């Protein structure tokens, strides 16, 4: 998919992909072990989470991508 000669293993593209995969998957309450534990221990309903937490979590996620792009990716 991506040639390692064009994008070596320590390239900023791979760091961004790792950020997106790790944080994006954990953004959903059911996408991480911590989210599942939160739902079980604190009795948090998925719809409550989706209504109240999803938009701020998505905004933080996108802000993180923007900050990473501003500091690491060539313009």
PDB file of N, CA and C in Angstrom:
ATOM      1  N   UNK A   1       0.820  -1.177   0.000  1.00  0.00           N
ATOM      2  CA  UNK A   1       0.000   0.000   0.000  1.00  0.00           C
ATOM      3  C   UNK A   1       0.873   1.253   0.000  1.00  0.00           C
ATOM      4  N   UNK A   2       1.759   1.386   0.952  1.00  0.00           N
ATOM      5  CA  UNK A   2       2.720   2.495   0.990  1.00  0.00           C
ATOM      6  C   UNK A   2       4.111   1.913   0.881  1.00  0.00           C
ATOM      7  N   UNK A   3       4.886   2.445  -0.017  1.00  0.00           N
ATOM      8  CA  UNK A   3       6.244   1.973  -0.237  1.00  0.00           C
ATOM      9  C   UNK A   3       7.143   2.429   0.908  1.00  0.00           C
ATOM     10  N   UNK A   4       7.895   1.512   1.499  1.00  0.00           N
ATOM     11  CA  UNK A   4       8.763   1.861   2.621  1.00  0.00           C
ATOM     12  C   UNK A   4       9.949   2.718   2.201  1.00  0.00           C
ATOM     13  N   UNK A   5      10.235   2.782   0.913  1.00  0.00           N
ATOM     14  CA  UNK A   5      11.289   3.704   0.487  1.00  0.00           C
ATOM     15  C   UNK A   5      10.768   5.136   0.459  1.00  0.00           C
ATOM     16  N   UNK A   6       9.501   5.312   0.156  1.00  0.00           N
ATOM     17  CA  UNK A   6       8.912   6.651   0.158  1.00  0.00           C
ATOM     18  C   UNK A   6       8.537   7.092   1.571  1.00  0.00           C
ATOM     19  N   UNK A   7       8.106   6.147   2.384  1.00  0.00           N
ATOM     20  CA  UNK A   7       7.710   6.424   3.768  1.00  0.00           C
ATOM     21  C   UNK A   7       8.420   5.433   4.686  1.00  0.00           C
ATOM     22  N   UNK A   8       9.640   5.764   5.166  1.00  0.00           N
ATOM     23  CA  UNK A   8      10.356   4.842   6.053  1.00  0.00           C
ATOM     24  C   UNK A   8       9.567   4.556   7.326  1.00  0.00           C
ATOM     25  N   UNK A   9      10.016   3.568   8.080  1.00  0.00           N
ATOM     26  CA  UNK A   9       9.254   3.121   9.245  1.00  0.00           C
ATOM     27  C   UNK A   9       9.087   4.201  10.308  1.00  0.00           C
ATOM     28  N   UNK A  10       9.973   5.164  10.395  1.00  0.00           N
ATOM     29  CA  UNK A  10       9.839   6.210  11.405  1.00  0.00           C
ATOM     30  C   UNK A  10       9.243   7.500  10.822  1.00  0.00           C
ATOM     31  N   UNK A  11       8.610   7.404   9.678  1.00  0.00           N
ATOM     32  CA  UNK A  11       8.019   8.563   9.015  1.00  0.00           C
ATOM     33  C   UNK A  11       6.803   9.064   9.798  1.00  0.00           C
ATOM     34  N   UNK A  12       6.525  10.339   9.666  1.00  0.00           N
ATOM     35  CA  UNK A  12       5.410  10.935  10.407  1.00  0.00           C
ATOM     36  C   UNK A  12       4.065  10.375   9.951  1.00  0.00           C
ATOM     37  N   UNK A  13       3.982   9.845   8.737  1.00  0.00           N
ATOM     38  CA  UNK A  13       2.740   9.224   8.279  1.00  0.00           C
ATOM     39  C   UNK A  13       2.352   8.053   9.168  1.00  0.00           C
ATOM     40  N   UNK A  14       3.319   7.206   9.530  1.00  0.00           N
ATOM     41  CA  UNK A  14       3.026   6.032  10.354  1.00  0.00           C
ATOM     42  C   UNK A  14       2.642   6.451  11.768  1.00  0.00           C
ATOM     43  N   UNK A  15       3.243   7.513  12.267  1.00  0.00           N
ATOM     44  CA  UNK A  15       2.858   8.013  13.593  1.00  0.00           C
ATOM     45  C   UNK A  15       1.417   8.508  13.580  1.00  0.00           C
ATOM     46  N   UNK A  16       1.036   9.192  12.519  1.00  0.00           N
ATOM     47  CA  UNK A  16      -0.340   9.679  12.406  1.00  0.00           C
ATOM     48  C   UNK A  16      -1.315   8.519  12.270  1.00  0.00           C
ATOM     49  N   UNK A  17      -0.961   7.504  11.510  1.00  0.00           N
ATOM     50  CA  UNK A  17      -1.824   6.330  11.371  1.00  0.00           C
ATOM     51  C   UNK A  17      -1.998   5.632  12.717  1.00  0.00           C
ATOM     52  N   UNK A  18      -0.911   5.527  13.490  1.00  0.00           N
ATOM     53  CA  UNK A  18      -1.003   4.908  14.814  1.00  0.00           C
ATOM     54  C   UNK A  18      -1.892   5.725  15.743  1.00  0.00           C
ATOM     55  N   UNK A  19      -1.762   7.056  15.688  1.00  0.00           N
ATOM     56  CA  UNK A  19      -2.622   7.921  16.494  1.00  0.00           C
ATOM     57  C   UNK A  19      -4.087   7.713  16.122  1.00  0.00           C
ATOM     58  N   UNK A  20      -4.361   7.719  14.829  1.00  0.00           N
ATOM     59  CA  UNK A  20      -5.746   7.581  14.369  1.00  0.00           C
ATOM     60  C   UNK A  20      -6.333   6.227  14.748  1.00  0.00           C
ATOM     61  N   UNK A  21      -5.563   5.174  14.592  1.00  0.00           N
ATOM     62  CA  UNK A  21      -6.066   3.836  14.918  1.00  0.00           C
ATOM     63  C   UNK A  21      -6.253   3.666  16.416  1.00  0.00           C
ATOM     64  N   UNK A  22      -5.284   4.101  17.200  1.00  0.00           N
ATOM     65  CA  UNK A  22      -5.378   3.918  18.650  1.00  0.00           C
ATOM     66  C   UNK A  22      -6.417   4.794  19.305  1.00  0.00           C
ATOM     67  N   UNK A  23      -6.411   6.063  18.978  1.00  0.00           N
ATOM     68  CA  UNK A  23      -7.346   6.992  19.603  1.00  0.00           C
ATOM     69  C   UNK A  23      -8.735   6.863  19.008  1.00  0.00           C
ATOM     70  N   UNK A  24      -8.813   6.686  17.711  1.00  0.00           N
ATOM     71  CA  UNK A  24     -10.120   6.553  17.061  1.00  0.00           C
ATOM     72  C   UNK A  24     -10.881   5.333  17.542  1.00  0.00           C
ATOM     73  N   UNK A  25     -10.183   4.229  17.739  1.00  0.00           N
ATOM     74  CA  UNK A  25     -10.839   3.030  18.241  1.00  0.00           C
ATOM     75  C   UNK A  25     -11.287   3.164  19.678  1.00  0.00           C
ATOM     76  N   UNK A  26     -10.547   3.928  20.457  1.00  0.00           N
ATOM     77  CA  UNK A  26     -10.901   4.110  21.862  1.00  0.00           C
ATOM     78  C   UNK A  26     -11.932   5.210  22.068  1.00  0.00           C
ATOM     79  N   UNK A  27     -12.220   5.984  21.042  1.00  0.00           N
ATOM     80  CA  UNK A  27     -13.194   7.063  21.167  1.00  0.00           C
ATOM     81  C   UNK A  27     -14.588   6.509  21.467  1.00  0.00           C
ATOM     82  N   UNK A  28     -14.899   5.374  20.907  1.00  0.00           N
ATOM     83  CA  UNK A  28     -16.163   4.726  21.228  1.00  0.00           C
ATOM     84  C   UNK A  28     -16.037   4.042  22.583  1.00  0.00           C
ATOM     85  N   UNK A  29     -17.054   4.143  23.386  1.00  0.00           N
ATOM     86  CA  UNK A  29     -16.996   3.551  24.710  1.00  0.00           C
ATOM     87  C   UNK A  29     -16.857   2.027  24.617  1.00  0.00           C
ATOM     88  N   UNK A  30     -17.359   1.435  23.549  1.00  0.00           N
ATOM     89  CA  UNK A  30     -17.268  -0.017  23.408  1.00  0.00           C
ATOM     90  C   UNK A  30     -16.012  -0.440  22.670  1.00  0.00           C
ATOM     91  N   UNK A  31     -15.150   0.538  22.291  1.00  0.00           N
ATOM     92  CA  UNK A  31     -13.954   0.229  21.523  1.00  0.00           C
ATOM     93  C   UNK A  31     -12.721  -0.021  22.363  1.00  0.00           C
ATOM     94  N   UNK A  32     -12.851   0.038  23.679  1.00  0.00           N
ATOM     95  CA  UNK A  32     -11.684  -0.178  24.527  1.00  0.00           C
ATOM     96  C   UNK A  32     -12.097  -0.901  25.799  1.00  0.00           C
ATOM     97  N   UNK A  33     -11.123  -1.535  26.428  1.00  0.00           N
ATOM     98  CA  UNK A  33     -11.400  -2.224  27.689  1.00  0.00           C
ATOM     99  C   UNK A  33     -11.813  -1.233  28.772  1.00  0.00           C
ATOM    100  N   UNK A  34     -11.226  -0.035  28.752  1.00  0.00           N
ATOM    101  CA  UNK A  34     -11.595   0.981  29.739  1.00  0.00           C
ATOM    102  C   UNK A  34     -13.047   1.410  29.552  1.00  0.00           C
ATOM    103  N   UNK A  35     -13.484   1.527  28.316  1.00  0.00           N
ATOM    104  CA  UNK A  35     -14.868   1.893  28.057  1.00  0.00           C
ATOM    105  C   UNK A  35     -15.842   0.823  28.510  1.00  0.00           C
ATOM    106  N   UNK A  36     -15.505  -0.414  28.272  1.00  0.00           N
ATOM    107  CA  UNK A  36     -16.356  -1.516  28.721  1.00  0.00           C
ATOM    108  C   UNK A  36     -16.401  -1.553  30.244  1.00  0.00           C
ATOM    109  N   UNK A  37     -15.264  -1.316  30.896  1.00  0.00           N
ATOM    110  CA  UNK A  37     -15.242  -1.271  32.359  1.00  0.00           C
ATOM    111  C   UNK A  37     -16.082  -0.106  32.879  1.00  0.00           C
ATOM    112  N   UNK A  38     -16.006   1.051  32.220  1.00  0.00           N
ATOM    113  CA  UNK A  38     -16.823   2.198  32.601  1.00  0.00           C
ATOM    114  C   UNK A  38     -18.300   1.857  32.519  1.00  0.00           C
ATOM    115  N   UNK A  39     -18.690   1.214  31.441  1.00  0.00           N
ATOM    116  CA  UNK A  39     -20.092   0.853  31.279  1.00  0.00           C
ATOM    117  C   UNK A  39     -20.536  -0.130  32.356  1.00  0.00           C
ATOM    118  N   UNK A  40     -19.657  -1.056  32.723  1.00  0.00           N
ATOM    119  CA  UNK A  40     -20.022  -2.062  33.720  1.00  0.00           C
ATOM    120  C   UNK A  40     -20.009  -1.532  35.139  1.00  0.00           C
ATOM    121  N   UNK A  41     -18.959  -0.809  35.503  1.00  0.00           N
ATOM    122  CA  UNK A  41     -18.825  -0.355  36.897  1.00  0.00           C
ATOM    123  C   UNK A  41     -19.696   0.847  37.221  1.00  0.00           C
ATOM    124  N   UNK A  42     -19.789   1.777  36.304  1.00  0.00           N
ATOM    125  CA  UNK A  42     -20.534   3.011  36.561  1.00  0.00           C
ATOM    126  C   UNK A  42     -21.939   2.980  35.975  1.00  0.00           C
ATOM    127  N   UNK A  43     -22.303   1.878  35.353  1.00  0.00           N
ATOM    128  CA  UNK A  43     -23.626   1.711  34.745  1.00  0.00           C
ATOM    129  C   UNK A  43     -23.936   2.804  33.726  1.00  0.00           C
ATOM    130  N   UNK A  44     -22.950   3.126  32.902  1.00  0.00           N
ATOM    131  CA  UNK A  44     -23.121   4.121  31.845  1.00  0.00           C
ATOM    132  C   UNK A  44     -23.780   3.445  30.647  1.00  0.00           C
ATOM    133  N   UNK A  45     -24.865   4.006  30.190  1.00  0.00           N
ATOM    134  CA  UNK A  45     -25.586   3.487  29.040  1.00  0.00           C
ATOM    135  C   UNK A  45     -24.917   3.980  27.751  1.00  0.00           C
ATOM    136  N   UNK A  46     -24.921   3.173  26.719  1.00  0.00           N
ATOM    137  CA  UNK A  46     -24.281   3.563  25.459  1.00  0.00           C
ATOM    138  C   UNK A  46     -24.934   4.801  24.859  1.00  0.00           C
ATOM    139  N   UNK A  47     -26.257   4.886  24.906  1.00  0.00           N
ATOM    140  CA  UNK A  47     -26.934   6.051  24.334  1.00  0.00           C
ATOM    141  C   UNK A  47     -26.607   7.320  25.113  1.00  0.00           C
ATOM    142  N   UNK A  48     -26.468   7.222  26.430  1.00  0.00           N
ATOM    143  CA  UNK A  48     -26.057   8.385  27.224  1.00  0.00           C
ATOM    144  C   UNK A  48     -24.679   8.848  26.787  1.00  0.00           C
ATOM    145  N   UNK A  49     -23.775   7.902  26.624  1.00  0.00           N
ATOM    146  CA  UNK A  49     -22.418   8.223  26.180  1.00  0.00           C
ATOM    147  C   UNK A  49     -22.446   8.851  24.794  1.00  0.00           C
ATOM    148  N   UNK A  50     -23.226   8.279  23.894  1.00  0.00           N
ATOM    149  CA  UNK A  50     -23.283   8.784  22.526  1.00  0.00           C
ATOM    150  C   UNK A  50     -23.826  10.212  22.486  1.00  0.00           C
ATOM    151  N   UNK A  51     -24.799  10.503  23.309  1.00  0.00           N
ATOM    152  CA  UNK A  51     -25.403  11.839  23.306  1.00  0.00           C
ATOM    153  C   UNK A  51     -24.510  12.881  23.959  1.00  0.00           C
ATOM    154  N   UNK A  52     -23.856  12.536  25.067  1.00  0.00           N
ATOM    155  CA  UNK A  52     -23.158  13.538  25.868  1.00  0.00           C
ATOM    156  C   UNK A  52     -21.647  13.592  25.685  1.00  0.00           C
ATOM    157  N   UNK A  53     -21.036  12.510  25.271  1.00  0.00           N
ATOM    158  CA  UNK A  53     -19.574  12.444  25.245  1.00  0.00           C
ATOM    159  C   UNK A  53     -19.017  12.371  23.827  1.00  0.00           C
ATOM    160  N   UNK A  54     -19.776  11.859  22.889  1.00  0.00           N
ATOM    161  CA  UNK A  54     -19.245  11.615  21.549  1.00  0.00           C
ATOM    162  C   UNK A  54     -18.755  12.883  20.847  1.00  0.00           C
ATOM    163  N   UNK A  55     -19.515  13.965  20.907  1.00  0.00           N
ATOM    164  CA  UNK A  55     -19.086  15.189  20.221  1.00  0.00           C
ATOM    165  C   UNK A  55     -17.835  15.801  20.839  1.00  0.00           C
ATOM    166  N   UNK A  56     -17.729  15.941  22.165  1.00  0.00           N
ATOM    167  CA  UNK A  56     -16.470  16.448  22.713  1.00  0.00           C
ATOM    168  C   UNK A  56     -15.289  15.515  22.440  1.00  0.00           C
ATOM    169  N   UNK A  57     -15.528  14.203  22.459  1.00  0.00           N
ATOM    170  CA  UNK A  57     -14.447  13.256  22.158  1.00  0.00           C
ATOM    171  C   UNK A  57     -14.002  13.389  20.707  1.00  0.00           C
ATOM    172  N   UNK A  58     -14.943  13.541  19.796  1.00  0.00           N
ATOM    173  CA  UNK A  58     -14.596  13.711  18.386  1.00  0.00           C
ATOM    174  C   UNK A  58     -13.862  15.033  18.156  1.00  0.00           C
ATOM    175  N   UNK A  59     -14.287  16.085  18.857  1.00  0.00           N
ATOM    176  CA  UNK A  59     -13.603  17.379  18.723  1.00  0.00           C
ATOM    177  C   UNK A  59     -12.160  17.286  19.215  1.00  0.00           C
ATOM    178  N   UNK A  60     -11.941  16.611  20.330  1.00  0.00           N
ATOM    179  CA  UNK A  60     -10.583  16.416  20.833  1.00  0.00           C
ATOM    180  C   UNK A  60      -9.736  15.576  19.895  1.00  0.00           C
ATOM    181  N   UNK A  61     -10.342  14.555  19.322  1.00  0.00           N
ATOM    182  CA  UNK A  61      -9.653  13.698  18.366  1.00  0.00           C
ATOM    183  C   UNK A  61      -9.207  14.500  17.142  1.00  0.00           C
ATOM    184  N   UNK A  62     -10.119  15.283  16.593  1.00  0.00           N
ATOM    185  CA  UNK A  62      -9.793  16.095  15.422  1.00  0.00           C
ATOM    186  C   UNK A  62      -8.786  17.192  15.761  1.00  0.00           C
ATOM    187  N   UNK A  63      -8.888  17.759  16.955  1.00  0.00           N
ATOM    188  CA  UNK A  63      -7.900  18.754  17.377  1.00  0.00           C
ATOM    189  C   UNK A  63      -6.520  18.117  17.504  1.00  0.00           C
ATOM    190  N   UNK A  64      -6.458  16.878  17.979  1.00  0.00           N
ATOM    191  CA  UNK A  64      -5.187  16.167  18.067  1.00  0.00           C
ATOM    192  C   UNK A  64      -4.578  15.915  16.702  1.00  0.00           C
ATOM    193  N   UNK A  65      -5.407  15.547  15.744  1.00  0.00           N
ATOM    194  CA  UNK A  65      -4.913  15.352  14.376  1.00  0.00           C
ATOM    195  C   UNK A  65      -4.408  16.673  13.816  1.00  0.00           C
ATOM    196  N   UNK A  66      -5.162  17.747  14.059  1.00  0.00           N
ATOM    197  CA  UNK A  66      -4.739  19.062  13.571  1.00  0.00           C
ATOM    198  C   UNK A  66      -3.429  19.505  14.190  1.00  0.00           C
ATOM    199  N   UNK A  67      -3.282  19.301  15.489  1.00  0.00           N
ATOM    200  CA  UNK A  67      -2.028  19.689  16.164  1.00  0.00           C
ATOM    201  C   UNK A  67      -0.863  18.851  15.662  1.00  0.00           C
ATOM    202  N   UNK A  68      -1.093  17.563  15.445  1.00  0.00           N
ATOM    203  CA  UNK A  68      -0.022  16.709  14.926  1.00  0.00           C
ATOM    204  C   UNK A  68       0.362  17.130  13.515  1.00  0.00           C
ATOM    205  N   UNK A  69      -0.642  17.398  12.687  1.00  0.00           N
ATOM    206  CA  UNK A  69      -0.365  17.794  11.315  1.00  0.00           C
ATOM    207  C   UNK A  69       0.385  19.128  11.268  1.00  0.00           C
ATOM    208  N   UNK A  70       0.021  20.042  12.152  1.00  0.00           N
ATOM    209  CA  UNK A  70       0.677  21.348  12.161  1.00  0.00           C
ATOM    210  C   UNK A  70       2.133  21.256  12.596  1.00  0.00           C
ATOM    211  N   UNK A  71       2.470  20.288  13.419  1.00  0.00           N
ATOM    212  CA  UNK A  71       3.837  20.195  13.934  1.00  0.00           C
ATOM    213  C   UNK A  71       4.706  19.183  13.192  1.00  0.00           C
ATOM    214  N   UNK A  72       4.127  18.204  12.525  1.00  0.00           N
ATOM    215  CA  UNK A  72       4.922  17.135  11.934  1.00  0.00           C
ATOM    216  C   UNK A  72       4.857  16.999  10.427  1.00  0.00           C
ATOM    217  N   UNK A  73       3.735  17.319   9.835  1.00  0.00           N
ATOM    218  CA  UNK A  73       3.583  17.061   8.403  1.00  0.00           C
ATOM    219  C   UNK A  73       4.033  18.265   7.588  1.00  0.00           C
ATOM    220  N   UNK A  74       4.660  18.021   6.463  1.00  0.00           N
ATOM    221  CA  UNK A  74       5.086  19.148   5.610  1.00  0.00           C
ATOM    222  C   UNK A  74       3.860  19.809   4.981  1.00  0.00           C
ATOM    223  N   UNK A  75       3.953  21.102   4.833  1.00  0.00           N
ATOM    224  CA  UNK A  75       2.826  21.841   4.247  1.00  0.00           C
ATOM    225  C   UNK A  75       2.926  21.920   2.758  1.00  0.00           C
TER     226      UNK A  75
END
